[in-house]
Amino acid sequence: MRHVLAAVLCIALPIAMFASSAQSASPQDNAPKTNQGPADADKARVFITDSQSWSIAGAGGGANGAYGGSVAGGARPQTAEIVKTFGERCPQVVTNNKQDRTDYIVVLDHEGGKGVLRHKNKVAVFNRITGDSIVSKSTLSLGGSVEDACSAITADWAAHSVSIRALESTAIAASEPKPPAAPVSAPAAQAQLQVTSTPDGADIEIDGGFVGNTPSTVGVAPGQHQLSVKKTGFKPWERKISVSTGQVNVNAALDAAQ
């Protein structure tokens, strides 16, 4: 009986201790974890090219002095696989399928159908705005290529994100259609007013402003103008003249002052 009681206690005691520790756990321990990483708007945006992979396989054999072999291969799209791998291994960037809305262009060629040590995966990353290359490498695995690209983008984005977004804003503003310029009306053609006087050397005033001495040819806008011809020792000669285009000849005969 004592052995049975001891066995029951050995089972019940750990269960009670586990229940007690679960009840005493703080609410913070039970709260769901949240991702405190940067918002998508603050992450670098990446466009992955429509890269193609190539698969090569071959076989050969011979018997009785005869030999035969075959090689087969072909390309198949791998973009979806590359995007998936980027999402898994580089969560600090956002992949985007609109090239003009991204910060970086990733060119990645993935080769399949070979042994692991015979793969030749090539990756290159470019700044979309400036076209500058920030990394170019060859690796033995797709994951390695993605990690190299991710490391280069992360470092470049940390150092140049502000200037990259500023250049993008400038490029977007420059590409937006400009409102049509207001039409510029051609200046109205001037009429030529040829003024002479008897005697010569009189002052010519048009609309109250001095424009020269007789004889002179003066350009005036179409319309009505006040013309005055004045000379010391003579009475002022004044007329209202309407002109349109062409040349108008005016002769002012001055009368001596009394």
C-alpha atoms as a PDB file:
ATOM      1  CA  MET A   1       0.000   0.000   0.000  1.00  0.00           C
ATOM      2  CA  ARG A   2       2.832   2.346   0.865  1.00  0.00           C
ATOM      3  CA  HIS A   3       4.408   1.714  -2.518  1.00  0.00           C
ATOM      4  CA  VAL A   4       1.125   2.582  -4.295  1.00  0.00           C
ATOM      5  CA  LEU A   5       0.736   5.832  -2.299  1.00  0.00           C
ATOM      6  CA  ALA A   6       4.314   6.874  -3.072  1.00  0.00           C
ATOM      7  CA  ALA A   7       3.742   6.293  -6.770  1.00  0.00           C
ATOM      8  CA  VAL A   8       0.573   8.416  -6.724  1.00  0.00           C
ATOM      9  CA  LEU A   9       2.404  11.263  -4.988  1.00  0.00           C
ATOM     10  CA  CYS A  10       5.254  11.111  -7.501  1.00  0.00           C
ATOM     11  CA  ILE A  11       2.772  11.604 -10.352  1.00  0.00           C
ATOM     12  CA  ALA A  12       0.509  14.192  -8.691  1.00  0.00           C
ATOM     13  CA  LEU A  13       3.242  16.504  -7.374  1.00  0.00           C
ATOM     14  CA  PRO A  14       4.787  17.465 -10.804  1.00  0.00           C
ATOM     15  CA  ILE A  15       1.310  18.023 -12.260  1.00  0.00           C
ATOM     16  CA  ALA A  16       0.407  20.417  -9.433  1.00  0.00           C
ATOM     17  CA  MET A  17       3.681  22.305  -9.803  1.00  0.00           C
ATOM     18  CA  PHE A  18       3.158  22.701 -13.592  1.00  0.00           C
ATOM     19  CA  ALA A  19      -0.395  24.019 -13.096  1.00  0.00           C
ATOM     20  CA  SER A  20       0.803  26.513 -10.484  1.00  0.00           C
ATOM     21  CA  SER A  21       3.549  27.857 -12.746  1.00  0.00           C
ATOM     22  CA  ALA A  22       1.105  28.222 -15.652  1.00  0.00           C
ATOM     23  CA  GLN A  23      -1.324  30.248 -13.498  1.00  0.00           C
ATOM     24  CA  SER A  24       1.466  32.568 -12.236  1.00  0.00           C
ATOM     25  CA  ALA A  25       2.750  33.435 -15.714  1.00  0.00           C
ATOM     26  CA  SER A  26       2.433  37.145 -16.407  1.00  0.00           C
ATOM     27  CA  PRO A  27      -0.036  38.417 -19.048  1.00  0.00           C
ATOM     28  CA  GLN A  28       2.938  39.793 -20.972  1.00  0.00           C
ATOM     29  CA  ASP A  29       4.318  36.268 -21.354  1.00  0.00           C
ATOM     30  CA  ASN A  30       1.037  35.099 -22.883  1.00  0.00           C
ATOM     31  CA  ALA A  31       0.562  38.139 -25.113  1.00  0.00           C
ATOM     32  CA  PRO A  32       1.048  37.456 -28.845  1.00  0.00           C
ATOM     33  CA  LYS A  33       4.378  38.589 -30.219  1.00  0.00           C
ATOM     34  CA  THR A  34       4.280  41.372 -32.773  1.00  0.00           C
ATOM     35  CA  ASN A  35       6.746  42.210 -35.482  1.00  0.00           C
ATOM     36  CA  GLN A  36       8.516  45.432 -34.596  1.00  0.00           C
ATOM     37  CA  GLY A  37      10.342  45.698 -37.951  1.00  0.00           C
ATOM     38  CA  PRO A  38      10.037  48.716 -40.256  1.00  0.00           C
ATOM     39  CA  ALA A  39       6.762  49.362 -42.024  1.00  0.00           C
ATOM     40  CA  ASP A  40       6.556  48.317 -45.672  1.00  0.00           C
ATOM     41  CA  ALA A  41       6.591  51.986 -46.740  1.00  0.00           C
ATOM     42  CA  ASP A  42      10.048  52.358 -45.156  1.00  0.00           C
ATOM     43  CA  LYS A  43      11.519  49.203 -46.708  1.00  0.00           C
ATOM     44  CA  ALA A  44      13.509  49.064 -49.912  1.00  0.00           C
ATOM     45  CA  ARG A  45      11.390  47.999 -52.900  1.00  0.00           C
ATOM     46  CA  VAL A  46      12.918  45.387 -55.198  1.00  0.00           C
ATOM     47  CA  PHE A  47      12.090  44.376 -58.763  1.00  0.00           C
ATOM     48  CA  ILE A  48      13.299  40.895 -59.769  1.00  0.00           C
ATOM     49  CA  THR A  49      13.885  40.359 -63.460  1.00  0.00           C
ATOM     50  CA  ASP A  50      12.075  37.684 -65.444  1.00  0.00           C
ATOM     51  CA  SER A  51      15.100  35.443 -65.141  1.00  0.00           C
ATOM     52  CA  GLN A  52      15.210  32.092 -66.871  1.00  0.00           C
ATOM     53  CA  SER A  53      16.836  28.920 -65.522  1.00  0.00           C
ATOM     54  CA  TRP A  54      18.373  26.263 -67.691  1.00  0.00           C
ATOM     55  CA  SER A  55      18.359  22.528 -67.008  1.00  0.00           C
ATOM     56  CA  ILE A  56      20.875  20.134 -68.598  1.00  0.00           C
ATOM     57  CA  ALA A  57      20.910  16.367 -68.277  1.00  0.00           C
ATOM     58  CA  GLY A  58      22.774  13.665 -70.215  1.00  0.00           C
ATOM     59  CA  ALA A  59      23.361   9.932 -70.382  1.00  0.00           C
ATOM     60  CA  GLY A  60      25.649   7.613 -72.315  1.00  0.00           C
ATOM     61  CA  GLY A  61      26.732   3.999 -72.563  1.00  0.00           C
ATOM     62  CA  GLY A  62      28.309   1.422 -74.849  1.00  0.00           C
ATOM     63  CA  ALA A  63      28.698  -2.292 -75.526  1.00  0.00           C
ATOM     64  CA  ASN A  64      30.559  -4.433 -78.066  1.00  0.00           C
ATOM     65  CA  GLY A  65      32.495  -1.452 -79.420  1.00  0.00           C
ATOM     66  CA  ALA A  66      29.392   0.709 -79.874  1.00  0.00           C
ATOM     67  CA  TYR A  67      28.680   3.858 -77.903  1.00  0.00           C
ATOM     68  CA  GLY A  68      25.599   5.995 -77.590  1.00  0.00           C
ATOM     69  CA  GLY A  69      24.673   9.073 -75.584  1.00  0.00           C
ATOM     70  CA  SER A  70      22.083  11.787 -75.282  1.00  0.00           C
ATOM     71  CA  VAL A  71      21.895  15.267 -73.826  1.00  0.00           C
ATOM     72  CA  ALA A  72      18.657  17.133 -73.104  1.00  0.00           C
ATOM     73  CA  GLY A  73      18.038  20.550 -71.738  1.00  0.00           C
ATOM     74  CA  GLY A  74      15.782  23.542 -71.834  1.00  0.00           C
ATOM     75  CA  ALA A  75      14.796  26.741 -70.122  1.00  0.00           C
ATOM     76  CA  ARG A  76      11.945  27.142 -67.682  1.00  0.00           C
ATOM     77  CA  PRO A  77      10.744  30.242 -65.835  1.00  0.00           C
ATOM     78  CA  GLN A  78      12.045  30.534 -62.290  1.00  0.00           C
ATOM     79  CA  THR A  79      10.815  33.994 -61.335  1.00  0.00           C
ATOM     80  CA  ALA A  80       8.194  32.684 -58.885  1.00  0.00           C
ATOM     81  CA  GLU A  81      10.788  30.523 -57.134  1.00  0.00           C
ATOM     82  CA  ILE A  82      13.203  33.444 -56.878  1.00  0.00           C
ATOM     83  CA  VAL A  83      10.513  35.774 -55.488  1.00  0.00           C
ATOM     84  CA  LYS A  84       9.507  33.109 -52.961  1.00  0.00           C
ATOM     85  CA  THR A  85      13.124  32.639 -51.871  1.00  0.00           C
ATOM     86  CA  PHE A  86      13.566  36.408 -51.574  1.00  0.00           C
ATOM     87  CA  GLY A  87      10.483  36.652 -49.354  1.00  0.00           C
ATOM     88  CA  GLU A  88      11.766  33.884 -47.094  1.00  0.00           C
ATOM     89  CA  ARG A  89      15.384  34.993 -46.787  1.00  0.00           C
ATOM     90  CA  CYS A  90      15.119  38.780 -47.084  1.00  0.00           C
ATOM     91  CA  PRO A  91      12.014  39.977 -45.197  1.00  0.00           C
ATOM     92  CA  GLN A  92      13.527  43.460 -44.771  1.00  0.00           C
ATOM     93  CA  VAL A  93      12.705  44.317 -48.407  1.00  0.00           C
ATOM     94  CA  VAL A  94       9.469  44.366 -50.394  1.00  0.00           C
ATOM     95  CA  THR A  95       9.307  42.739 -53.827  1.00  0.00           C
ATOM     96  CA  ASN A  96       7.285  44.673 -56.405  1.00  0.00           C
ATOM     97  CA  ASN A  97       6.291  43.755 -59.960  1.00  0.00           C
ATOM     98  CA  LYS A  98       6.303  47.348 -61.228  1.00  0.00           C
ATOM     99  CA  GLN A  99       9.846  48.280 -62.135  1.00  0.00           C
ATOM    100  CA  ASP A 100       9.220  52.042 -62.102  1.00  0.00           C
ATOM    101  CA  ARG A 101       7.979  51.833 -58.493  1.00  0.00           C
ATOM    102  CA  THR A 102      11.071  50.153 -57.041  1.00  0.00           C
ATOM    103  CA  ASP A 103      14.409  51.210 -55.603  1.00  0.00           C
ATOM    104  CA  TYR A 104      16.584  48.314 -56.801  1.00  0.00           C
ATOM    105  CA  ILE A 105      16.698  45.964 -59.793  1.00  0.00           C
ATOM    106  CA  VAL A 106      17.832  42.398 -59.090  1.00  0.00           C
ATOM    107  CA  VAL A 107      19.058  40.358 -62.066  1.00  0.00           C
ATOM    108  CA  LEU A 108      19.289  36.734 -60.970  1.00  0.00           C
ATOM    109  CA  ASP A 109      19.956  33.700 -63.198  1.00  0.00           C
ATOM    110  CA  HIS A 110      19.315  30.364 -61.522  1.00  0.00           C
ATOM    111  CA  GLU A 111      20.644  27.125 -63.057  1.00  0.00           C
ATOM    112  CA  GLY A 112      18.985  23.836 -62.250  1.00  0.00           C
ATOM    113  CA  GLY A 113      19.318  20.196 -63.307  1.00  0.00           C
ATOM    114  CA  LYS A 114      22.953  19.752 -62.207  1.00  0.00           C
ATOM    115  CA  GLY A 115      24.809  18.542 -59.193  1.00  0.00           C
ATOM    116  CA  VAL A 116      25.099  20.997 -56.332  1.00  0.00           C
ATOM    117  CA  LEU A 117      28.742  21.810 -57.022  1.00  0.00           C
ATOM    118  CA  ARG A 118      28.055  22.432 -60.718  1.00  0.00           C
ATOM    119  CA  HIS A 119      25.395  25.107 -60.312  1.00  0.00           C
ATOM    120  CA  LYS A 120      26.308  28.572 -61.554  1.00  0.00           C
ATOM    121  CA  ASN A 121      23.879  31.087 -60.097  1.00  0.00           C
ATOM    122  CA  LYS A 122      24.629  34.681 -61.011  1.00  0.00           C
ATOM    123  CA  VAL A 123      23.241  37.742 -59.256  1.00  0.00           C
ATOM    124  CA  ALA A 124      23.612  41.479 -59.854  1.00  0.00           C
ATOM    125  CA  VAL A 125      21.857  44.363 -58.087  1.00  0.00           C
ATOM    126  CA  PHE A 126      21.484  47.871 -59.495  1.00  0.00           C
ATOM    127  CA  ASN A 127      20.191  51.148 -58.123  1.00  0.00           C
ATOM    128  CA  ARG A 128      17.145  51.784 -60.333  1.00  0.00           C
ATOM    129  CA  ILE A 129      17.496  55.585 -60.421  1.00  0.00           C
ATOM    130  CA  THR A 130      21.240  55.937 -61.023  1.00  0.00           C
ATOM    131  CA  GLY A 131      21.841  52.564 -62.688  1.00  0.00           C
ATOM    132  CA  ASP A 132      24.882  51.979 -60.460  1.00  0.00           C
ATOM    133  CA  SER A 133      25.765  48.360 -59.628  1.00  0.00           C
ATOM    134  CA  ILE A 134      25.988  47.649 -55.903  1.00  0.00           C
ATOM    135  CA  VAL A 135      26.854  43.925 -56.112  1.00  0.00           C
ATOM    136  CA  SER A 136      27.649  41.288 -58.758  1.00  0.00           C
ATOM    137  CA  LYS A 137      28.494  37.705 -57.785  1.00  0.00           C
ATOM    138  CA  SER A 138      28.302  34.042 -58.726  1.00  0.00           C
ATOM    139  CA  THR A 139      27.169  31.458 -56.174  1.00  0.00           C
ATOM    140  CA  LEU A 140      26.493  27.720 -55.964  1.00  0.00           C
ATOM    141  CA  SER A 141      22.919  28.059 -54.717  1.00  0.00           C
ATOM    142  CA  LEU A 142      19.845  30.192 -55.251  1.00  0.00           C
ATOM    143  CA  GLY A 143      19.694  30.879 -51.518  1.00  0.00           C
ATOM    144  CA  GLY A 144      23.269  32.119 -51.530  1.00  0.00           C
ATOM    145  CA  SER A 145      22.526  34.486 -54.409  1.00  0.00           C
ATOM    146  CA  VAL A 146      19.486  35.874 -52.619  1.00  0.00           C
ATOM    147  CA  GLU A 147      21.431  36.341 -49.385  1.00  0.00           C
ATOM    148  CA  ASP A 148      24.239  38.188 -51.196  1.00  0.00           C
ATOM    149  CA  ALA A 149      21.714  40.465 -52.913  1.00  0.00           C
ATOM    150  CA  CYS A 150      19.831  41.012 -49.663  1.00  0.00           C
ATOM    151  CA  SER A 151      22.988  41.937 -47.731  1.00  0.00           C
ATOM    152  CA  ALA A 152      24.047  44.428 -50.424  1.00  0.00           C
ATOM    153  CA  ILE A 153      20.579  46.039 -50.617  1.00  0.00           C
ATOM    154  CA  THR A 154      20.282  46.272 -46.829  1.00  0.00           C
ATOM    155  CA  ALA A 155      23.655  47.996 -46.485  1.00  0.00           C
ATOM    156  CA  ASP A 156      23.082  50.383 -49.397  1.00  0.00           C
ATOM    157  CA  TRP A 157      19.547  51.227 -48.236  1.00  0.00           C
ATOM    158  CA  ALA A 158      20.741  52.010 -44.713  1.00  0.00           C
ATOM    159  CA  ALA A 159      23.288  54.463 -46.115  1.00  0.00           C
ATOM    160  CA  HIS A 160      21.373  56.032 -49.012  1.00  0.00           C
ATOM    161  CA  SER A 161      17.619  55.542 -48.521  1.00  0.00           C
ATOM    162  CA  VAL A 162      16.941  59.272 -48.023  1.00  0.00           C
ATOM    163  CA  SER A 163      18.809  60.338 -51.159  1.00  0.00           C
ATOM    164  CA  ILE A 164      17.288  57.487 -53.214  1.00  0.00           C
ATOM    165  CA  ARG A 165      13.720  58.471 -52.287  1.00  0.00           C
ATOM    166  CA  ALA A 166      14.544  62.152 -52.975  1.00  0.00           C
ATOM    167  CA  LEU A 167      15.825  61.277 -56.465  1.00  0.00           C
ATOM    168  CA  GLU A 168      12.715  59.171 -57.078  1.00  0.00           C
ATOM    169  CA  SER A 169      10.446  62.061 -56.092  1.00  0.00           C
ATOM    170  CA  THR A 170      12.328  64.356 -58.461  1.00  0.00           C
ATOM    171  CA  ALA A 171      12.061  61.837 -61.290  1.00  0.00           C
ATOM    172  CA  ILE A 172       8.319  61.362 -60.717  1.00  0.00           C
ATOM    173  CA  ALA A 173       7.731  65.119 -60.675  1.00  0.00           C
ATOM    174  CA  ALA A 174       9.720  65.519 -63.895  1.00  0.00           C
ATOM    175  CA  SER A 175       7.696  62.802 -65.634  1.00  0.00           C
ATOM    176  CA  GLU A 176       4.320  64.288 -64.760  1.00  0.00           C
ATOM    177  CA  PRO A 177       2.630  66.131 -67.645  1.00  0.00           C
ATOM    178  CA  LYS A 178       3.012  69.872 -67.444  1.00  0.00           C
ATOM    179  CA  PRO A 179      -0.007  72.165 -67.947  1.00  0.00           C
ATOM    180  CA  PRO A 180      -0.024  73.817 -71.359  1.00  0.00           C
ATOM    181  CA  ALA A 181       1.606  77.203 -71.393  1.00  0.00           C
ATOM    182  CA  ALA A 182      -0.657  80.174 -71.802  1.00  0.00           C
ATOM    183  CA  PRO A 183      -0.632  81.384 -75.380  1.00  0.00           C
ATOM    184  CA  VAL A 184       1.459  84.489 -75.877  1.00  0.00           C
ATOM    185  CA  SER A 185      -0.319  87.027 -77.987  1.00  0.00           C
ATOM    186  CA  ALA A 186       1.766  88.634 -80.677  1.00  0.00           C
ATOM    187  CA  PRO A 187       2.330  92.336 -80.158  1.00  0.00           C
ATOM    188  CA  ALA A 188       0.042  94.520 -82.210  1.00  0.00           C
ATOM    189  CA  ALA A 189       1.653  95.932 -85.332  1.00  0.00           C
ATOM    190  CA  GLN A 190       2.679  99.546 -84.883  1.00  0.00           C
ATOM    191  CA  ALA A 191       1.766 102.357 -87.208  1.00  0.00           C
ATOM    192  CA  GLN A 192       4.465 104.713 -88.425  1.00  0.00           C
ATOM    193  CA  LEU A 193       3.754 108.386 -87.794  1.00  0.00           C
ATOM    194  CA  GLN A 194       5.906 110.718 -89.924  1.00  0.00           C
ATOM    195  CA  VAL A 195       5.827 114.227 -88.439  1.00  0.00           C
ATOM    196  CA  THR A 196       7.209 117.315 -90.158  1.00  0.00           C
ATOM    197  CA  SER A 197       6.799 120.961 -89.316  1.00  0.00           C
ATOM    198  CA  THR A 198       7.278 124.430 -90.752  1.00  0.00           C
ATOM    199  CA  PRO A 199       9.758 125.518 -89.549  1.00  0.00           C
ATOM    200  CA  ASP A 200      11.743 122.372 -88.693  1.00  0.00           C
ATOM    201  CA  GLY A 201      13.259 121.578 -85.322  1.00  0.00           C
ATOM    202  CA  ALA A 202      10.030 121.615 -83.304  1.00  0.00           C
ATOM    203  CA  ASP A 203       9.466 119.257 -80.352  1.00  0.00           C
ATOM    204  CA  ILE A 204       7.145 116.309 -80.942  1.00  0.00           C
ATOM    205  CA  GLU A 205       4.947 115.081 -78.065  1.00  0.00           C
ATOM    206  CA  ILE A 206       2.631 112.058 -78.294  1.00  0.00           C
ATOM    207  CA  ASP A 207       0.115 111.590 -75.464  1.00  0.00           C
ATOM    208  CA  GLY A 208       2.094 114.103 -73.402  1.00  0.00           C
ATOM    209  CA  GLY A 209       5.488 112.457 -73.844  1.00  0.00           C
ATOM    210  CA  PHE A 210       8.418 113.846 -75.802  1.00  0.00           C
ATOM    211  CA  VAL A 211       9.445 111.522 -78.665  1.00  0.00           C
ATOM    212  CA  GLY A 212      11.777 113.620 -80.843  1.00  0.00           C
ATOM    213  CA  ASN A 213      12.091 116.650 -83.094  1.00  0.00           C
ATOM    214  CA  THR A 214      10.725 117.346 -86.535  1.00  0.00           C
ATOM    215  CA  PRO A 215      11.174 115.851 -88.977  1.00  0.00           C
ATOM    216  CA  SER A 216      10.902 112.362 -87.409  1.00  0.00           C
ATOM    217  CA  THR A 217       9.150 109.029 -87.945  1.00  0.00           C
ATOM    218  CA  VAL A 218       7.713 107.590 -84.733  1.00  0.00           C
ATOM    219  CA  GLY A 219       6.136 104.169 -84.110  1.00  0.00           C
ATOM    220  CA  VAL A 220       2.784 104.272 -82.308  1.00  0.00           C
ATOM    221  CA  ALA A 221       0.235 101.650 -81.326  1.00  0.00           C
ATOM    222  CA  PRO A 222      -3.014 101.521 -83.299  1.00  0.00           C
ATOM    223  CA  GLY A 223      -5.685 103.764 -81.798  1.00  0.00           C
ATOM    224  CA  GLN A 224      -6.235 107.418 -80.989  1.00  0.00           C
ATOM    225  CA  HIS A 225      -3.350 109.634 -79.837  1.00  0.00           C
ATOM    226  CA  GLN A 226      -2.832 113.269 -78.854  1.00  0.00           C
ATOM    227  CA  LEU A 227      -0.116 114.823 -81.063  1.00  0.00           C
ATOM    228  CA  SER A 228       1.544 118.116 -80.124  1.00  0.00           C
ATOM    229  CA  VAL A 229       4.239 120.035 -82.049  1.00  0.00           C
ATOM    230  CA  LYS A 230       5.910 122.880 -80.121  1.00  0.00           C
ATOM    231  CA  LYS A 231       8.645 125.392 -80.871  1.00  0.00           C
ATOM    232  CA  THR A 232       9.794 128.462 -78.988  1.00  0.00           C
ATOM    233  CA  GLY A 233       8.382 131.633 -80.567  1.00  0.00           C
ATOM    234  CA  PHE A 234       5.471 129.763 -82.154  1.00  0.00           C
ATOM    235  CA  LYS A 235       2.004 128.749 -81.029  1.00  0.00           C
ATOM    236  CA  PRO A 236       1.632 125.043 -80.056  1.00  0.00           C
ATOM    237  CA  TRP A 237       0.110 122.857 -82.760  1.00  0.00           C
ATOM    238  CA  GLU A 238      -2.141 120.090 -81.360  1.00  0.00           C
ATOM    239  CA  ARG A 239      -4.301 117.429 -82.987  1.00  0.00           C
ATOM    240  CA  LYS A 240      -6.016 114.144 -82.064  1.00  0.00           C
ATOM    241  CA  ILE A 241      -5.019 111.490 -84.568  1.00  0.00           C
ATOM    242  CA  SER A 242      -6.431 107.985 -85.078  1.00  0.00           C
ATOM    243  CA  VAL A 243      -4.064 105.457 -86.621  1.00  0.00           C
ATOM    244  CA  SER A 244      -4.291 101.767 -87.454  1.00  0.00           C
ATOM    245  CA  THR A 245      -1.386 100.346 -89.450  1.00  0.00           C
ATOM    246  CA  GLY A 246       0.945 101.563 -92.147  1.00  0.00           C
ATOM    247  CA  GLN A 247       2.406 105.072 -92.302  1.00  0.00           C
ATOM    248  CA  VAL A 248       0.623 108.338 -91.557  1.00  0.00           C
ATOM    249  CA  ASN A 249       2.166 111.645 -92.678  1.00  0.00           C
ATOM    250  CA  VAL A 250       1.512 114.768 -90.589  1.00  0.00           C
ATOM    251  CA  ASN A 251       2.795 118.278 -91.355  1.00  0.00           C
ATOM    252  CA  ALA A 252       2.380 120.927 -88.682  1.00  0.00           C
ATOM    253  CA  ALA A 253       2.407 124.512 -89.939  1.00  0.00           C
ATOM    254  CA  LEU A 254       3.377 126.600 -86.933  1.00  0.00           C
ATOM    255  CA  ASP A 255       2.072 130.167 -86.474  1.00  0.00           C
ATOM    256  CA  ALA A 256       4.302 132.804 -84.927  1.00  0.00           C
ATOM    257  CA  ALA A 257       3.387 133.846 -81.404  1.00  0.00           C
ATOM    258  CA  GLN A 258       1.924 137.353 -80.966  1.00  0.00           C
END
